[in-house]
N, C-alpha and C. Protein backbone atom coordinates (compact mmCIF):
# COMPACT_ATOMS: atom_id res chain seq x y z
N MET A 1 -9.47 -2.36 -6.73
CA MET A 1 -9.32 -1.04 -5.97
C MET A 1 -8.01 -0.62 -5.98
N ASP A 2 -7.81 0.77 -6.18
CA ASP A 2 -6.54 1.29 -6.13
C ASP A 2 -6.17 1.64 -4.62
N GLY A 3 -5.12 2.30 -4.23
CA GLY A 3 -4.81 2.55 -2.93
C GLY A 3 -4.58 4.00 -2.55
N ARG A 4 -5.55 4.70 -3.15
CA ARG A 4 -5.34 6.29 -3.06
C ARG A 4 -6.15 6.74 -1.85
N LYS A 5 -7.20 6.01 -1.19
CA LYS A 5 -8.00 6.46 -0.26
C LYS A 5 -7.70 5.72 1.09
N ARG A 6 -7.36 6.41 2.13
CA ARG A 6 -6.90 5.89 3.42
C ARG A 6 -8.03 5.11 4.10
N VAL A 7 -9.24 5.48 3.74
CA VAL A 7 -10.33 4.68 4.54
C VAL A 7 -10.38 3.27 3.87
N ASP A 8 -9.87 2.90 2.75
CA ASP A 8 -9.94 1.58 2.06
C ASP A 8 -8.90 0.58 2.56
N ILE A 9 -8.02 1.22 3.40
CA ILE A 9 -6.90 0.28 3.91
C ILE A 9 -6.89 0.19 5.30
N ASN A 10 -6.74 -0.82 5.91
CA ASN A 10 -6.56 -1.10 7.44
C ASN A 10 -5.47 -2.12 7.55
N PRO A 11 -4.93 -2.16 8.96
CA PRO A 11 -3.92 -3.18 9.34
C PRO A 11 -4.57 -4.59 9.08
N GLY A 12 -3.88 -5.42 8.38
CA GLY A 12 -4.31 -6.82 7.90
C GLY A 12 -4.80 -6.85 6.60
N THR A 13 -5.08 -5.69 5.85
CA THR A 13 -5.37 -5.85 4.51
C THR A 13 -4.24 -6.21 3.59
N ARG A 14 -4.60 -7.11 2.63
CA ARG A 14 -3.59 -7.66 1.60
C ARG A 14 -3.56 -6.59 0.49
N VAL A 15 -2.19 -6.25 0.26
CA VAL A 15 -2.01 -5.20 -0.85
C VAL A 15 -0.79 -5.63 -1.53
N GLN A 16 -0.72 -4.59 -2.69
CA GLN A 16 0.58 -4.72 -3.61
C GLN A 16 0.98 -3.27 -3.47
N VAL A 17 2.31 -3.23 -3.18
CA VAL A 17 2.86 -1.84 -2.92
C VAL A 17 4.01 -1.58 -3.84
N ALA A 18 4.28 -0.40 -4.36
CA ALA A 18 5.55 0.01 -5.08
C ALA A 18 6.54 0.68 -4.11
N GLN A 19 7.59 -0.10 -3.94
CA GLN A 19 8.69 0.60 -3.02
C GLN A 19 9.33 1.75 -3.81
N LYS A 20 9.91 2.57 -3.01
CA LYS A 20 10.48 3.71 -3.66
C LYS A 20 11.53 3.51 -4.88
N GLN A 21 12.35 2.42 -4.59
CA GLN A 21 13.23 2.12 -5.72
C GLN A 21 12.72 1.35 -6.96
N ASP A 22 11.42 0.98 -6.79
CA ASP A 22 10.67 0.20 -7.83
C ASP A 22 9.59 1.04 -8.57
N GLN A 23 9.55 2.40 -8.24
CA GLN A 23 8.39 3.19 -8.81
C GLN A 23 8.48 3.32 -10.22
N ARG A 24 9.74 3.64 -10.84
CA ARG A 24 9.85 3.69 -12.30
C ARG A 24 9.63 2.34 -12.99
N SER A 25 10.12 1.23 -12.43
CA SER A 25 9.88 -0.12 -13.20
C SER A 25 8.50 -0.69 -13.02
N GLY A 26 7.80 -0.18 -12.03
CA GLY A 26 6.47 -0.74 -11.90
C GLY A 26 6.29 -2.01 -11.04
N LYS A 27 7.46 -2.60 -10.68
CA LYS A 27 7.45 -3.82 -9.88
C LYS A 27 6.68 -3.55 -8.40
N LEU A 28 5.85 -4.46 -8.31
CA LEU A 28 4.88 -4.45 -7.04
C LEU A 28 5.32 -5.61 -6.07
N THR A 29 5.28 -5.35 -4.83
CA THR A 29 5.56 -6.36 -3.84
C THR A 29 4.26 -6.51 -3.06
N GLU A 30 3.89 -7.75 -2.81
CA GLU A 30 2.56 -8.16 -2.16
C GLU A 30 2.80 -8.38 -0.72
N GLY A 31 1.88 -8.10 0.09
CA GLY A 31 2.12 -8.40 1.56
C GLY A 31 0.89 -7.84 2.18
N THR A 32 0.90 -7.94 3.65
CA THR A 32 -0.23 -7.64 4.57
C THR A 32 0.25 -6.33 5.33
N VAL A 33 -0.80 -5.33 5.34
CA VAL A 33 -0.43 -4.09 5.96
C VAL A 33 -0.24 -4.31 7.47
N ARG A 34 0.79 -3.75 8.13
CA ARG A 34 1.08 -3.59 9.37
C ARG A 34 0.64 -2.23 10.09
N GLU A 35 1.05 -1.17 9.19
CA GLU A 35 0.62 0.13 9.74
C GLU A 35 0.51 1.07 8.61
N ILE A 36 -0.30 2.06 8.69
CA ILE A 36 -0.50 3.07 7.74
C ILE A 36 0.41 4.28 8.01
N LEU A 37 1.22 4.76 7.20
CA LEU A 37 2.19 5.89 7.38
C LEU A 37 1.66 7.16 6.91
N THR A 38 0.69 7.24 5.91
CA THR A 38 0.28 8.54 5.39
C THR A 38 -0.91 8.96 6.39
N ASN A 39 -0.86 10.25 6.66
CA ASN A 39 -1.79 10.84 7.56
C ASN A 39 -3.07 11.36 6.90
N SER A 40 -2.83 11.85 5.67
CA SER A 40 -3.95 12.47 4.96
C SER A 40 -4.86 11.46 4.47
N ALA A 41 -6.23 11.95 4.16
CA ALA A 41 -7.20 11.03 3.70
C ALA A 41 -7.03 10.43 2.36
N THR A 42 -6.33 11.12 1.47
CA THR A 42 -5.98 10.55 0.25
C THR A 42 -4.64 10.99 -0.30
N HIS A 43 -4.15 10.24 -1.25
CA HIS A 43 -2.80 10.62 -1.81
C HIS A 43 -2.80 10.22 -3.20
N PRO A 44 -2.33 11.21 -4.12
CA PRO A 44 -2.47 10.82 -5.58
C PRO A 44 -1.64 9.58 -6.07
N HIS A 45 -0.61 9.29 -5.38
CA HIS A 45 0.37 8.09 -5.64
C HIS A 45 0.13 6.99 -4.89
N GLY A 46 -0.79 6.93 -3.93
CA GLY A 46 -1.02 5.88 -3.11
C GLY A 46 -0.60 6.11 -1.79
N ILE A 47 -1.46 5.48 -0.83
CA ILE A 47 -1.27 5.64 0.73
C ILE A 47 0.04 4.79 1.02
N LYS A 48 0.94 5.57 1.77
CA LYS A 48 2.25 4.77 2.16
C LYS A 48 1.98 3.97 3.41
N VAL A 49 2.31 2.67 3.26
CA VAL A 49 2.10 1.80 4.30
C VAL A 49 3.49 1.00 4.62
N ARG A 50 3.48 0.32 5.85
CA ARG A 50 4.61 -0.49 6.24
C ARG A 50 3.88 -1.94 6.25
N LEU A 51 4.53 -2.96 5.55
CA LEU A 51 3.90 -4.30 5.52
C LEU A 51 4.58 -5.03 6.69
N VAL A 52 3.81 -6.20 7.02
CA VAL A 52 4.33 -7.09 8.19
C VAL A 52 5.65 -7.52 7.79
N SER A 53 6.24 -7.69 6.57
CA SER A 53 7.54 -7.94 6.27
C SER A 53 8.52 -6.71 6.58
N GLY A 54 8.09 -5.68 6.91
CA GLY A 54 8.92 -4.38 7.04
C GLY A 54 9.17 -3.53 5.89
N VAL A 55 8.67 -4.09 4.72
CA VAL A 55 8.66 -3.24 3.50
C VAL A 55 7.85 -1.91 3.49
N VAL A 56 8.31 -0.97 3.13
CA VAL A 56 7.55 0.31 3.02
C VAL A 56 7.37 0.74 1.64
N GLY A 57 6.08 0.99 1.31
CA GLY A 57 5.70 1.41 -0.11
C GLY A 57 4.41 2.11 -0.32
N ARG A 58 4.14 2.51 -1.48
CA ARG A 58 2.66 3.10 -1.71
C ARG A 58 1.89 2.00 -2.26
N VAL A 59 0.66 1.99 -1.73
CA VAL A 59 -0.40 0.97 -2.17
C VAL A 59 -0.79 1.29 -3.69
N LYS A 60 -0.66 0.26 -4.48
CA LYS A 60 -1.10 0.41 -5.82
C LYS A 60 -2.33 -0.46 -6.12
N VAL A 61 -2.46 -1.59 -5.43
CA VAL A 61 -3.59 -2.51 -5.66
C VAL A 61 -3.98 -2.97 -4.21
N ILE A 62 -5.20 -3.01 -3.91
CA ILE A 62 -5.80 -3.65 -2.73
C ILE A 62 -6.52 -4.93 -3.31
N ILE A 63 -6.01 -6.04 -2.60
CA ILE A 63 -6.37 -7.31 -2.89
C ILE A 63 -7.64 -7.82 -2.29
N PRO A 64 -8.72 -8.02 -3.01
CA PRO A 64 -10.07 -8.30 -2.25
C PRO A 64 -10.11 -9.66 -1.46
N GLU A 65 -10.74 -9.61 -0.45
CA GLU A 65 -10.88 -10.85 0.43
C GLU A 65 -11.70 -11.87 -0.26
N ARG A 66 -11.43 -13.08 -0.12
CA ARG A 66 -12.25 -14.06 -0.67
C ARG A 66 -13.26 -14.75 0.23
């Protein structure tokens, strides 16, 4: 799943995000969502979230629960 729909993401969801400085390189940071920062239902570049670690980025991959 990609991270373009807000409805697919909730606090506690494991995701991979691209931080602002890593958007060109494509480097992803994995973590757990603490809060959702995007207010709209969808975003073409991914929903912006803050991870538990404090990292802010746009969701590129939602990691399915096992």
